[in-house]
Each structure stands twice: as C-alpha cells, then as structure tokens.
Amino acid sequence: MAEHKSFTRGADALGVTASAASMQVQALEEYLRVPLFRRNGRQVELTPQGALLRPKVEEALADLERAIDEARADRGSGPLRVTTIASFLAQWLLPRLPNFTSQHAGIDVQIHTSTELVDFVKTGMDAGIRFGAGTWPRLHAQKLFDEWLVPVCTPQLLQRHGLVTEARDLRHYKLLHSTYEPWTAWLLEGGPDEVWPSSGAAFDD
C-alpha cells in the first residue's frame, strides 16, 4: 500500500480485493494502536509511525525470503530419498537404477523399504511408492501402473479342493495373507463385504 499509495493498486499487486486489504491494514492499526496510513480520498500515504515501521518490516520480509531460499537450496542439494516396497524395488526399480544414475550422475539415490505410509516431513523422504488407490490425505498421488491380482496355488491343492469360481470357494484353502494387499482387494461376487478366512501365514511384502 505504501509503495503504490493506493489501496486499490496495492490490493491488485497482492492479488486481493481493496476491501480485504483495507480491513487488514485496519486490523494492524488496531493491534499497534497507532495510525499507519493517512487517507486522502483515493490516495493514501504513510503517517510518521508508518514510515518508521516500513523499513523494519521490509527488512524482516527480506530475511524471511532469504531463509526460505536457503532452505529450498539445501533441500535440493541433498540425495534423492525414495521409500518403496521391497518387492517393487527388487523386481522393477533396482534393475533400472543404473540407467538413471548414468543419466543423472549428480544425484545420489537413497532407498528406504517399507509398506507403511511415511511422514515426509519427519523422515526427509522426497517420494514414496506404495500399492493402493492413491487416496491418501494431504498427499499428491500419481498412478504408475495397473496391477492384476490373481490367486495361485499348487496343482496338488487345486486337485484336492477344486477350481475357484466364486469367492466362497476360497474358504476351502488356507490362504497366505499380505498386510498391504488384503484379499478384499481381489473381488469376486462377494464384493467388499465378503468375509475372508483369517487363518494362514502372513507376510508384510
């Protein structure tokens, strides 16, 4: 406002309405208990108190901008930290790493394996690869691949229990369970309310 000497032009520069800018200035004046602007029709100018405050505010904002730039630069200079599931790392990501590092020799890659969601702020991770529908809150998710879930068994089990033609047929089998790919992700006629056997060994990846 002080630079443009107008609430309208100052608000346009900030991308807000003139009334919103005026209300913010009024709230600041009430908080400081001193007038900051002298209004003269459509033009405004700083009061002596406002003129005294302006350089200190500009200096503080400049310090904040420099601190943000330094934080971004420090973040961009470190290694690329990726968290993924172990099976995806072994079968897809690891064979492609040599090609990536040859094209981006200046980037060091650090890989963390887990099936759990991670806190990107606390762990310092830059990206994560997980199995799911991509509906995780407060995260941007990008689909990489489709995945097909197909039940398999040994020929001996198939001969003993018969073909699986509907969801209830799986009750004849002792299932192997995955903590991040539950049987409910593979739907036959039962749909999401189908009750799956809980017995059997469990694996986290």
Protein backbone atom coordinates (compact mmCIF):
# COMPACT_ATOMS: atom_id res chain seq x y z
CA MET A 1 0.00 0.00 0.00
CA ALA A 2 2.83 2.36 0.90
CA GLU A 3 4.60 1.69 -2.40
CA HIS A 4 1.52 2.20 -4.57
CA LYS A 5 -0.08 4.91 -2.38
CA SER A 6 -3.43 3.33 -3.11
CA PHE A 7 -5.40 0.51 -1.53
CA THR A 8 -6.78 -0.45 -4.94
CA ARG A 9 -3.40 -0.68 -6.71
CA GLY A 10 -1.76 -2.24 -3.67
CA ALA A 11 -4.51 -4.85 -3.40
CA ASP A 12 -4.17 -5.66 -7.11
CA ALA A 13 -0.44 -6.25 -6.63
CA LEU A 14 -1.20 -8.63 -3.76
CA GLY A 15 -3.99 -10.40 -5.61
CA VAL A 16 -6.69 -9.48 -3.08
CA THR A 17 -9.63 -7.10 -3.07
CA ALA A 18 -9.26 -3.49 -1.95
CA SER A 19 -11.74 -4.05 0.88
CA ALA A 20 -9.75 -7.04 2.14
CA ALA A 21 -6.52 -5.02 2.07
CA SER A 22 -8.19 -2.14 3.89
CA MET A 23 -9.51 -4.48 6.59
CA GLN A 24 -6.04 -5.99 7.11
CA VAL A 25 -4.48 -2.55 7.49
CA GLN A 26 -7.22 -1.51 9.89
CA ALA A 27 -6.69 -4.67 11.96
CA LEU A 28 -2.94 -3.98 12.11
CA GLU A 29 -3.53 -0.37 13.17
CA GLU A 30 -5.89 -1.54 15.91
CA TYR A 31 -3.32 -4.08 17.09
CA LEU A 32 -0.49 -1.49 17.15
CA ARG A 33 -2.82 1.25 18.43
CA VAL A 34 -1.27 3.77 16.04
CA PRO A 35 -2.40 5.01 12.61
CA LEU A 36 -0.17 3.78 9.79
CA PHE A 37 -1.81 5.48 6.81
CA ARG A 38 -3.31 8.89 6.25
CA ARG A 39 -6.21 8.63 3.85
CA ASN A 40 -6.82 11.42 1.36
CA GLY A 41 -9.63 10.45 -0.97
CA ARG A 42 -8.41 7.57 -3.14
CA GLN A 43 -4.79 8.12 -2.21
CA VAL A 44 -3.05 7.07 0.99
CA GLU A 45 0.31 7.99 2.48
CA LEU A 46 2.25 6.75 5.46
CA THR A 47 2.00 8.50 8.79
CA PRO A 48 5.27 9.18 10.67
CA GLN A 49 4.67 5.98 12.64
CA GLY A 50 4.06 4.04 9.42
CA ALA A 51 7.18 5.49 7.80
CA LEU A 52 9.21 4.39 10.84
CA LEU A 53 7.79 0.87 10.69
CA ARG A 54 8.11 0.32 6.92
CA PRO A 55 11.90 -0.28 6.59
CA LYS A 56 11.88 -2.70 9.52
CA VAL A 57 9.03 -4.70 8.01
CA GLU A 58 10.73 -4.75 4.60
CA GLU A 59 13.97 -5.95 6.20
CA ALA A 60 12.15 -8.70 8.12
CA LEU A 61 10.36 -9.87 4.96
CA ALA A 62 13.65 -9.89 3.04
CA ASP A 63 15.25 -12.00 5.79
CA LEU A 64 12.33 -14.42 5.65
CA GLU A 65 12.59 -14.71 1.85
CA ARG A 66 16.34 -15.39 2.07
CA ALA A 67 15.77 -18.06 4.74
CA ILE A 68 13.18 -19.78 2.54
CA ASP A 69 15.51 -19.68 -0.48
CA GLU A 70 18.35 -21.15 1.59
CA ALA A 71 16.09 -23.91 2.89
CA ARG A 72 15.00 -24.76 -0.65
CA ALA A 73 18.58 -24.75 -1.91
CA ASP A 74 19.68 -27.02 0.93
CA ARG A 75 16.77 -29.36 0.24
CA GLY A 76 17.63 -29.55 -3.45
CA SER A 77 21.34 -30.24 -2.90
CA GLY A 78 20.94 -33.46 -0.91
CA PRO A 79 20.28 -37.02 -2.07
CA LEU A 80 17.01 -38.14 -3.62
CA ARG A 81 15.27 -40.13 -0.88
CA VAL A 82 12.67 -42.65 -2.06
CA THR A 83 10.63 -45.05 0.04
CA THR A 84 9.12 -48.09 -1.67
CA ILE A 85 8.05 -51.66 -1.01
CA ALA A 86 10.77 -54.30 -1.18
CA SER A 87 9.15 -56.37 -3.93
CA PHE A 88 8.80 -53.34 -6.22
CA LEU A 89 12.41 -52.41 -5.51
CA ALA A 90 13.70 -55.87 -6.40
CA GLN A 91 11.54 -56.52 -9.45
CA TRP A 92 11.26 -53.10 -11.10
CA LEU A 93 13.20 -50.23 -9.55
CA LEU A 94 16.58 -51.82 -8.87
CA PRO A 95 17.19 -53.06 -12.45
CA ARG A 96 16.55 -49.52 -13.73
CA LEU A 97 18.75 -47.65 -11.26
CA PRO A 98 22.00 -48.00 -13.28
CA ASN A 99 20.38 -46.27 -16.25
CA PHE A 100 19.06 -43.47 -14.02
CA THR A 101 22.40 -42.87 -12.31
CA SER A 102 24.22 -42.80 -15.66
CA GLN A 103 21.86 -40.09 -16.91
CA HIS A 104 21.87 -38.16 -13.61
CA ALA A 105 25.37 -38.62 -12.25
CA GLY A 106 24.99 -35.71 -9.83
CA ILE A 107 22.04 -37.25 -7.98
CA ASP A 108 22.64 -39.72 -5.17
CA VAL A 109 19.68 -42.02 -4.57
CA GLN A 110 18.81 -43.33 -1.12
CA ILE A 111 16.13 -46.03 -0.97
CA HIS A 112 14.07 -46.99 2.06
CA THR A 113 11.81 -50.06 2.04
CA SER A 114 8.55 -50.20 3.94
CA THR A 115 4.89 -51.00 3.40
CA GLU A 116 3.75 -48.28 5.82
CA LEU A 117 2.91 -44.71 4.88
CA VAL A 118 5.67 -42.34 5.94
CA ASP A 119 5.70 -38.78 7.23
CA PHE A 120 7.61 -36.93 4.51
CA VAL A 121 8.45 -34.01 6.80
CA LYS A 122 9.81 -36.08 9.69
CA THR A 123 11.65 -38.66 7.58
CA GLY A 124 13.01 -36.32 4.90
CA MET A 125 11.69 -38.55 2.13
CA ASP A 126 11.17 -36.93 -1.27
CA ALA A 127 8.89 -39.54 -2.83
CA GLY A 128 7.11 -42.76 -1.95
CA ILE A 129 5.88 -45.72 -3.99
CA ARG A 130 3.00 -47.69 -2.49
CA PHE A 131 0.26 -50.09 -3.54
CA GLY A 132 -3.19 -48.55 -3.25
CA ALA A 133 -5.91 -46.41 -4.74
CA GLY A 134 -3.97 -43.17 -4.24
CA THR A 135 -6.49 -41.64 -1.85
CA TRP A 136 -4.04 -40.76 0.92
CA PRO A 137 -4.93 -37.46 2.64
CA ARG A 138 -2.77 -34.34 2.15
CA LEU A 139 -0.56 -36.09 -0.42
CA HIS A 140 -0.29 -35.78 -4.19
CA ALA A 141 -0.52 -39.25 -5.74
CA GLN A 142 0.43 -40.18 -9.30
CA LYS A 143 -0.62 -43.53 -10.74
CA LEU A 144 2.33 -45.55 -12.06
CA PHE A 145 0.84 -48.87 -13.17
CA ASP A 146 -2.21 -51.08 -13.16
CA GLU A 147 -1.82 -54.24 -11.11
CA TRP A 148 -3.58 -57.54 -11.56
CA LEU A 149 -4.25 -59.69 -8.51
CA VAL A 150 -4.59 -63.37 -9.37
CA PRO A 151 -4.90 -66.18 -6.79
CA VAL A 152 -2.46 -69.05 -7.41
CA CYS A 153 -1.89 -72.43 -5.77
CA THR A 154 -0.02 -75.67 -6.32
CA PRO A 155 -1.50 -78.31 -8.64
CA GLN A 156 -1.91 -80.61 -5.63
CA LEU A 157 -4.12 -78.10 -3.79
CA LEU A 158 -6.17 -77.48 -6.92
CA GLN A 159 -6.74 -81.20 -7.34
CA ARG A 160 -7.72 -81.57 -3.69
CA HIS A 161 -10.12 -78.60 -3.40
CA GLY A 162 -11.22 -77.89 -6.97
CA LEU A 163 -11.40 -74.73 -9.08
CA VAL A 164 -12.03 -71.30 -7.57
CA THR A 165 -15.05 -70.00 -9.47
CA GLU A 166 -16.52 -67.77 -6.76
CA ALA A 167 -15.36 -66.07 -3.58
CA ARG A 168 -16.72 -68.70 -1.19
CA ASP A 169 -14.55 -71.38 -2.85
CA LEU A 170 -11.50 -69.82 -1.18
CA ARG A 171 -12.80 -70.97 2.20
CA HIS A 172 -11.53 -74.44 1.35
CA TYR A 173 -7.97 -73.12 1.23
CA LYS A 174 -5.58 -71.93 3.91
CA LEU A 175 -4.66 -68.53 2.50
CA LEU A 176 -1.36 -66.66 2.51
CA HIS A 177 -2.05 -63.11 3.69
CA SER A 178 -0.36 -59.82 2.84
CA THR A 179 -0.57 -56.88 5.23
CA TYR A 180 -0.74 -54.34 2.41
CA GLU A 181 -2.54 -56.39 -0.28
CA PRO A 182 -5.52 -57.90 1.55
CA TRP A 183 -7.73 -60.49 -0.06
CA THR A 184 -10.52 -57.90 -0.07
CA ALA A 185 -8.62 -56.16 -2.88
CA TRP A 186 -9.34 -59.19 -5.07
CA LEU A 187 -13.09 -59.27 -5.50
CA LEU A 188 -15.29 -61.91 -6.98
CA GLU A 189 -19.02 -61.98 -6.48
CA GLY A 190 -18.72 -61.35 -2.75
CA GLY A 191 -17.74 -57.70 -3.06
CA PRO A 192 -16.20 -55.70 -0.22
CA ASP A 193 -18.47 -57.28 2.42
CA GLU A 194 -17.20 -60.80 1.77
CA VAL A 195 -15.76 -62.47 4.88
CA TRP A 196 -12.34 -63.94 4.13
CA PRO A 197 -10.64 -66.72 6.10
CA SER A 198 -8.14 -65.26 8.56
CA SER A 199 -6.08 -68.42 9.12
CA GLY A 200 -2.79 -68.93 7.34
CA ALA A 201 0.65 -67.33 7.20
CA ALA A 202 1.03 -63.55 6.78
CA PHE A 203 3.74 -61.54 5.04
CA ASP A 204 4.40 -57.80 5.04
CA ASP A 205 5.75 -57.72 1.45
